[in-house]
Amino acid sequence: MPTLAFETVFRGDPPPRDGAYLLDQPIGFVKGHWLGHLPDRAYWPEELDDRTTVDRRVLFAIGARADDELGAVHTLVAAQVWAVGTKWRNAAKLGSVFDANPGLVGANLAHGVRTARAEGAVAGYSTLAKRGDHALARLGAADVGRVLHFGAYDPATGGPLILDQHVTVGVNALRGSDWKPDGPWSSEQYGDYLGYAAEWAERWAPGTATDLVERTLAAAGQALGRA
């Protein structure tokens, strides 16, 4: 298993959060790849109508209404588009989530976002994670984390972070752990990850937003995956 030193991953000063490294990094997509897999045209967020790229700034704008059922669906769709870019085959996977959970996707995700905002990130994750009381069939743990992140994260106080295969590889390399890159990750693991991210953020530079740590872990994990 590859290992990385803290200083290898978090080099120099943290980059600005409000810039190309995090909020404005563009991901290309093709709208036509997705529309046919949505059960309702209204599920497509209007913020993506006249765009060919999406970034975190747009996702946070959409996620601001994720405590509402339709807003939660919009956040899921936009987060999926952002996560996979032009890999159009993933659109069918998103469609299968709606097929497997008729009438429940928006309600359950919105409940998870409201829970994360009111009771904390782990509580929100627990309700949507596998065997949670609002879990959704065929929705992966990484997808849950993305919706919660864009729907409930506050850069000043923290909150839910994305945990996906690249982040997990980065965490394993830093900690010598053996978490499964493809998940699922338990609520305990998710809480531990949030704690590591907060610790590493302060070690990198006091006051660093934890989503900068997540973005940097993902880049390190992705680089290890290509090595």
Protein backbone atom coordinates (compact mmCIF):
# COMPACT_ATOMS: atom_id res chain seq x y z
CA MET A 1 0.00 0.00 0.00
CA PRO A 2 1.48 3.40 -0.96
CA THR A 3 2.19 5.89 1.81
CA LEU A 4 2.54 9.65 1.76
CA ALA A 5 3.95 12.13 4.26
CA PHE A 6 1.80 15.07 5.33
CA GLU A 7 4.25 17.54 3.82
CA THR A 8 4.12 15.73 0.48
CA VAL A 9 0.36 16.16 0.21
CA PHE A 10 -0.13 19.57 1.84
CA ARG A 11 2.75 21.55 0.39
CA GLY A 12 3.30 25.24 0.98
CA ASP A 13 0.49 27.59 1.88
CA PRO A 14 -3.12 26.54 1.23
CA PRO A 15 -4.43 27.91 -2.07
CA PRO A 16 -7.29 30.42 -1.95
CA ARG A 17 -10.64 28.72 -1.50
CA ASP A 18 -12.32 31.29 -3.72
CA GLY A 19 -10.51 30.53 -6.95
CA ALA A 20 -9.64 28.05 -9.68
CA TYR A 21 -8.23 25.41 -7.32
CA LEU A 22 -11.54 24.81 -5.56
CA LEU A 23 -14.69 26.78 -6.31
CA ASP A 24 -14.06 27.66 -9.95
CA GLN A 25 -12.50 24.47 -11.32
CA PRO A 26 -14.63 23.73 -14.42
CA ILE A 27 -15.86 20.23 -15.28
CA GLY A 28 -17.28 19.72 -18.77
CA PHE A 29 -20.53 17.89 -19.46
CA VAL A 30 -23.04 17.24 -22.23
CA LYS A 31 -26.61 18.00 -21.19
CA GLY A 32 -28.11 15.60 -23.72
CA HIS A 33 -26.41 12.64 -22.05
CA TRP A 34 -28.53 13.14 -18.92
CA LEU A 35 -32.02 14.31 -19.80
CA GLY A 36 -33.23 10.97 -21.13
CA HIS A 37 -32.43 9.27 -17.85
CA LEU A 38 -34.42 11.66 -15.65
CA PRO A 39 -38.06 10.70 -15.00
CA ASP A 40 -39.09 14.36 -15.08
CA ARG A 41 -37.59 17.25 -17.06
CA ALA A 42 -38.08 19.40 -13.96
CA TYR A 43 -35.36 17.38 -12.24
CA TRP A 44 -32.74 19.11 -14.39
CA PRO A 45 -31.48 22.23 -12.55
CA GLU A 46 -32.02 25.39 -14.54
CA GLU A 47 -28.56 26.63 -13.53
CA LEU A 48 -27.11 24.05 -15.94
CA ASP A 49 -29.40 24.86 -18.87
CA ASP A 50 -27.07 27.17 -20.79
CA ARG A 51 -23.74 25.78 -19.59
CA THR A 52 -21.26 23.21 -20.84
CA THR A 53 -19.21 23.23 -17.62
CA VAL A 54 -20.09 23.07 -13.94
CA ASP A 55 -18.04 23.94 -10.87
CA ARG A 56 -18.37 23.88 -7.11
CA ARG A 57 -19.56 27.47 -6.96
CA VAL A 58 -22.59 26.57 -9.06
CA LEU A 59 -23.15 23.43 -7.00
CA PHE A 60 -23.22 25.37 -3.74
CA ALA A 61 -25.76 27.77 -5.26
CA ILE A 62 -27.98 24.82 -6.19
CA GLY A 63 -27.35 23.09 -2.86
CA ALA A 64 -28.64 26.12 -0.95
CA ARG A 65 -32.16 24.83 -1.66
CA ALA A 66 -31.40 21.15 -0.99
CA ASP A 67 -33.59 21.18 2.12
CA ASP A 68 -36.50 21.22 -0.32
CA GLU A 69 -37.43 18.03 -2.20
CA LEU A 70 -36.95 19.39 -5.71
CA GLY A 71 -33.87 21.31 -4.63
CA ALA A 72 -32.40 18.11 -3.23
CA VAL A 73 -33.02 16.34 -6.54
CA HIS A 74 -31.38 19.23 -8.39
CA THR A 75 -28.38 18.96 -6.06
CA LEU A 76 -28.07 15.22 -6.68
CA VAL A 77 -28.28 15.64 -10.45
CA ALA A 78 -25.81 18.52 -10.55
CA ALA A 79 -23.39 16.72 -8.23
CA GLN A 80 -23.50 13.64 -10.45
CA VAL A 81 -22.85 15.73 -13.56
CA TRP A 82 -19.90 17.38 -11.80
CA ALA A 83 -18.51 14.10 -10.47
CA VAL A 84 -18.42 12.22 -13.78
CA GLY A 85 -18.17 14.96 -16.41
CA THR A 86 -18.48 13.62 -19.93
CA LYS A 87 -18.69 9.94 -18.91
CA TRP A 88 -22.20 9.61 -20.26
CA ARG A 89 -22.72 5.99 -19.18
CA ASN A 90 -23.03 7.21 -15.59
CA ALA A 91 -26.27 8.97 -16.51
CA ALA A 92 -28.02 5.60 -16.62
CA LYS A 93 -26.77 4.88 -13.10
CA LEU A 94 -28.40 8.06 -11.88
CA GLY A 95 -31.62 7.08 -13.64
CA SER A 96 -31.59 3.76 -11.80
CA VAL A 97 -31.68 5.60 -8.46
CA PHE A 98 -34.98 7.22 -9.42
CA ASP A 99 -36.33 3.92 -10.77
CA ALA A 100 -35.46 2.07 -7.57
CA ASN A 101 -36.93 4.71 -5.25
CA PRO A 102 -40.13 6.06 -6.84
CA GLY A 103 -41.31 9.20 -5.09
CA LEU A 104 -38.64 9.02 -2.39
CA VAL A 105 -35.42 10.52 -3.78
CA GLY A 106 -36.16 14.18 -3.15
CA ALA A 107 -37.88 13.64 0.20
CA ASN A 108 -35.15 11.43 1.63
CA LEU A 109 -32.26 13.58 0.43
CA ALA A 110 -33.90 16.74 1.72
CA HIS A 111 -34.38 15.05 5.10
CA GLY A 112 -30.69 14.16 5.17
CA VAL A 113 -29.66 17.72 4.34
CA ARG A 114 -31.96 19.19 7.01
CA THR A 115 -30.57 16.69 9.52
CA ALA A 116 -26.98 17.59 8.63
CA ARG A 117 -27.72 21.29 9.01
CA ALA A 118 -29.50 20.87 12.34
CA GLU A 119 -27.70 17.93 13.98
CA GLY A 120 -24.35 17.71 12.23
CA ALA A 121 -22.68 16.01 9.30
CA VAL A 122 -22.50 12.51 10.79
CA ALA A 123 -26.19 12.53 11.67
CA GLY A 124 -27.08 13.53 8.12
CA TYR A 125 -24.80 10.88 6.68
CA SER A 126 -26.16 8.20 9.01
CA THR A 127 -29.75 8.71 7.96
CA LEU A 128 -28.89 8.33 4.25
CA ALA A 129 -26.12 5.73 4.49
CA LYS A 130 -26.66 2.03 3.93
CA ARG A 131 -29.20 0.75 6.48
CA GLY A 132 -30.04 4.32 7.48
CA ASP A 133 -33.71 5.15 8.03
CA HIS A 134 -33.78 7.26 4.85
CA ALA A 135 -31.33 5.22 2.74
CA LEU A 136 -31.97 5.09 -1.00
CA ALA A 137 -31.39 1.94 -3.03
CA ARG A 138 -28.58 2.20 -5.60
CA LEU A 139 -27.34 5.52 -4.25
CA GLY A 140 -23.67 5.15 -3.35
CA ALA A 141 -22.02 6.49 -0.22
CA ALA A 142 -19.96 8.94 -2.28
CA ASP A 143 -23.17 10.30 -3.83
CA VAL A 144 -24.65 10.79 -0.37
CA GLY A 145 -21.58 12.73 0.72
CA ARG A 146 -21.71 15.00 -2.32
CA VAL A 147 -25.35 15.97 -1.76
CA LEU A 148 -24.73 16.63 1.92
CA HIS A 149 -21.58 18.62 1.18
CA PHE A 150 -23.16 20.96 -1.33
CA GLY A 151 -26.36 21.15 0.70
CA ALA A 152 -25.02 21.64 4.23
CA TYR A 153 -21.35 22.68 4.23
CA ASP A 154 -20.31 26.01 5.74
CA PRO A 155 -16.70 27.06 5.07
CA ALA A 156 -16.60 28.97 8.36
CA THR A 157 -17.81 26.16 10.60
CA GLY A 158 -17.26 23.04 8.50
CA GLY A 159 -19.80 20.31 7.91
CA PRO A 160 -20.19 17.38 5.53
CA LEU A 161 -17.31 16.64 3.16
CA ILE A 162 -17.08 14.53 0.05
CA LEU A 163 -15.67 11.05 0.63
CA ASP A 164 -15.07 9.13 -2.59
CA GLN A 165 -12.56 6.64 -3.92
CA HIS A 166 -9.86 9.25 -4.59
CA VAL A 167 -10.21 10.84 -1.16
CA THR A 168 -10.13 7.40 0.45
CA VAL A 169 -6.90 6.49 -1.34
CA GLY A 170 -5.41 9.75 -0.06
CA VAL A 171 -6.57 9.10 3.49
CA ASN A 172 -5.18 5.55 3.40
CA ALA A 173 -1.83 6.79 2.13
CA LEU A 174 -1.55 9.37 4.91
CA ARG A 175 -2.79 7.16 7.73
CA GLY A 176 -1.74 3.67 6.68
CA SER A 177 -5.38 2.60 6.87
CA ASP A 178 -7.12 0.08 4.62
CA TRP A 179 -10.52 1.61 3.98
CA LYS A 180 -12.16 0.27 0.84
CA PRO A 181 -11.79 2.89 -1.90
CA ASP A 182 -15.21 2.06 -3.32
CA GLY A 183 -16.94 2.06 0.07
CA PRO A 184 -19.38 1.83 1.60
CA TRP A 185 -18.02 3.71 4.59
CA SER A 186 -19.68 3.45 7.96
CA SER A 187 -20.92 6.46 9.88
CA GLU A 188 -18.01 5.94 12.27
CA GLN A 189 -15.53 6.05 9.39
CA TYR A 190 -17.20 9.16 8.01
CA GLY A 191 -16.95 10.87 11.37
CA ASP A 192 -13.31 9.85 11.68
CA TYR A 193 -12.62 11.27 8.23
CA LEU A 194 -14.17 14.60 9.17
CA GLY A 195 -11.97 14.66 12.25
CA TYR A 196 -8.82 13.92 10.25
CA ALA A 197 -9.74 16.63 7.75
CA ALA A 198 -10.20 19.20 10.50
CA GLU A 199 -6.90 18.22 12.10
CA TRP A 200 -5.02 18.36 8.80
CA ALA A 201 -6.61 21.71 7.92
CA GLU A 202 -5.31 23.32 11.11
CA ARG A 203 -1.91 21.68 10.66
CA TRP A 204 -1.68 23.00 7.10
CA ALA A 205 -2.53 26.53 8.25
CA PRO A 206 -4.82 27.73 11.05
CA GLY A 207 -8.24 28.63 9.72
CA THR A 208 -7.99 26.53 6.55
CA ALA A 209 -11.38 25.37 5.27
CA THR A 210 -11.76 21.61 5.39
CA ASP A 211 -13.02 21.37 1.82
CA LEU A 212 -9.57 22.51 0.68
CA VAL A 213 -8.23 19.45 2.50
CA GLU A 214 -10.79 17.22 0.74
CA ARG A 215 -9.87 18.65 -2.67
CA THR A 216 -6.16 18.10 -1.96
CA LEU A 217 -6.69 14.55 -0.69
CA ALA A 218 -8.67 13.75 -3.83
CA ALA A 219 -5.86 15.05 -6.05
CA ALA A 220 -3.29 12.99 -4.13
CA GLY A 221 -5.44 9.86 -4.31
CA GLN A 222 -6.07 10.34 -8.00
CA ALA A 223 -2.35 10.72 -8.65
CA LEU A 224 -1.63 7.50 -6.74
CA GLY A 225 -4.29 5.73 -8.77
CA ARG A 226 -2.54 6.71 -11.99
CA ALA A 227 0.91 5.74 -10.71
